[in-house]
Amino acid sequence: MNILHVVSIYFSLPYFLGEQLKYFDSKGYKEYVICSPSEEIESLSKKLNFAYKEFPILRKISCIDDVKAMYKI
């Protein structure tokens, strides 16, 4: 089974999803993360065993930008 986590900022990954990422990895799930660009995400993905893609996810409502992000996902 696959799990997709989408977060707007990198900070959310180690502090809010870190233990979940470890748990689901230990249960054999393949995890994917979509996040705004970050210098730290590559090292965390190796440490917690998830694949990732980076593109801007804004924290405000913008119909055009939101549709673009959904299309990329």
Protein backbone atom coordinates (compact mmCIF):
# COMPACT_ATOMS: atom_id res chain seq x y z
CA MET A 1 0.00 0.00 0.00
CA ASN A 2 1.12 3.56 -0.67
CA ILE A 3 0.70 6.65 1.50
CA LEU A 4 1.01 10.24 0.27
CA HIS A 5 1.74 13.03 2.75
CA VAL A 6 1.40 16.61 1.48
CA VAL A 7 2.78 19.41 3.64
CA SER A 8 3.25 23.07 2.88
CA ILE A 9 6.54 23.43 4.78
CA TYR A 10 9.40 21.09 5.61
CA PHE A 11 9.16 21.85 9.34
CA SER A 12 6.03 19.68 9.54
CA LEU A 13 7.85 16.52 8.50
CA PRO A 14 10.28 15.80 11.35
CA TYR A 15 8.18 17.39 14.09
CA PHE A 16 4.65 16.28 13.24
CA LEU A 17 5.03 13.29 10.89
CA GLY A 18 8.40 11.85 11.93
CA GLU A 19 7.08 9.05 14.12
CA GLN A 20 4.26 8.25 11.67
CA LEU A 21 6.75 7.97 8.83
CA LYS A 22 8.82 5.52 10.90
CA TYR A 23 5.76 3.52 11.92
CA PHE A 24 4.32 3.08 8.43
CA ASP A 25 7.76 2.27 7.00
CA SER A 26 8.16 -0.47 9.62
CA LYS A 27 4.80 -1.91 8.53
CA GLY A 28 5.94 -2.12 4.89
CA TYR A 29 4.09 0.87 3.44
CA LYS A 30 5.69 2.84 0.62
CA GLU A 31 5.50 6.52 1.53
CA TYR A 32 5.67 9.61 -0.62
CA VAL A 33 5.95 13.24 0.49
CA ILE A 34 5.15 16.39 -1.43
CA CYS A 35 6.60 19.52 0.12
CA SER A 36 7.70 23.02 -0.73
CA PRO A 37 11.40 23.14 -1.65
CA SER A 38 13.80 22.60 1.25
CA GLU A 39 17.51 21.94 1.64
CA GLU A 40 16.88 19.38 4.41
CA ILE A 41 14.31 17.11 2.79
CA GLU A 42 16.80 14.92 0.93
CA SER A 43 18.65 13.86 4.08
CA LEU A 44 15.39 13.26 5.97
CA SER A 45 14.02 11.15 3.11
CA LYS A 46 17.08 8.91 3.30
CA LYS A 47 16.86 8.68 7.08
CA LEU A 48 13.12 7.87 7.16
CA ASN A 49 12.92 5.99 3.84
CA PHE A 50 10.38 7.96 1.81
CA ALA A 51 10.29 9.30 -1.74
CA TYR A 52 9.57 12.97 -2.28
CA LYS A 53 8.82 15.68 -4.81
CA GLU A 54 9.29 19.38 -4.22
CA PHE A 55 7.17 22.19 -5.56
CA PRO A 56 5.71 25.31 -3.97
CA ILE A 57 2.64 24.74 -1.84
CA LEU A 58 1.31 28.06 -0.62
CA ARG A 59 -0.34 28.51 2.75
CA LYS A 60 -3.02 30.81 1.35
CA ILE A 61 -6.03 30.08 -0.83
CA SER A 62 -5.36 30.77 -4.48
CA CYS A 63 -7.59 28.95 -6.95
CA ILE A 64 -5.07 28.99 -9.80
CA ASP A 65 -2.08 27.96 -7.69
CA ASP A 66 -4.14 25.31 -5.88
CA VAL A 67 -5.29 23.78 -9.16
CA LYS A 68 -1.69 23.78 -10.43
CA ALA A 69 -0.53 21.99 -7.25
CA MET A 70 -3.33 19.39 -7.52
CA TYR A 71 -2.40 18.76 -11.16
CA LYS A 72 1.23 18.18 -10.23
CA ILE A 73 0.21 15.77 -7.48
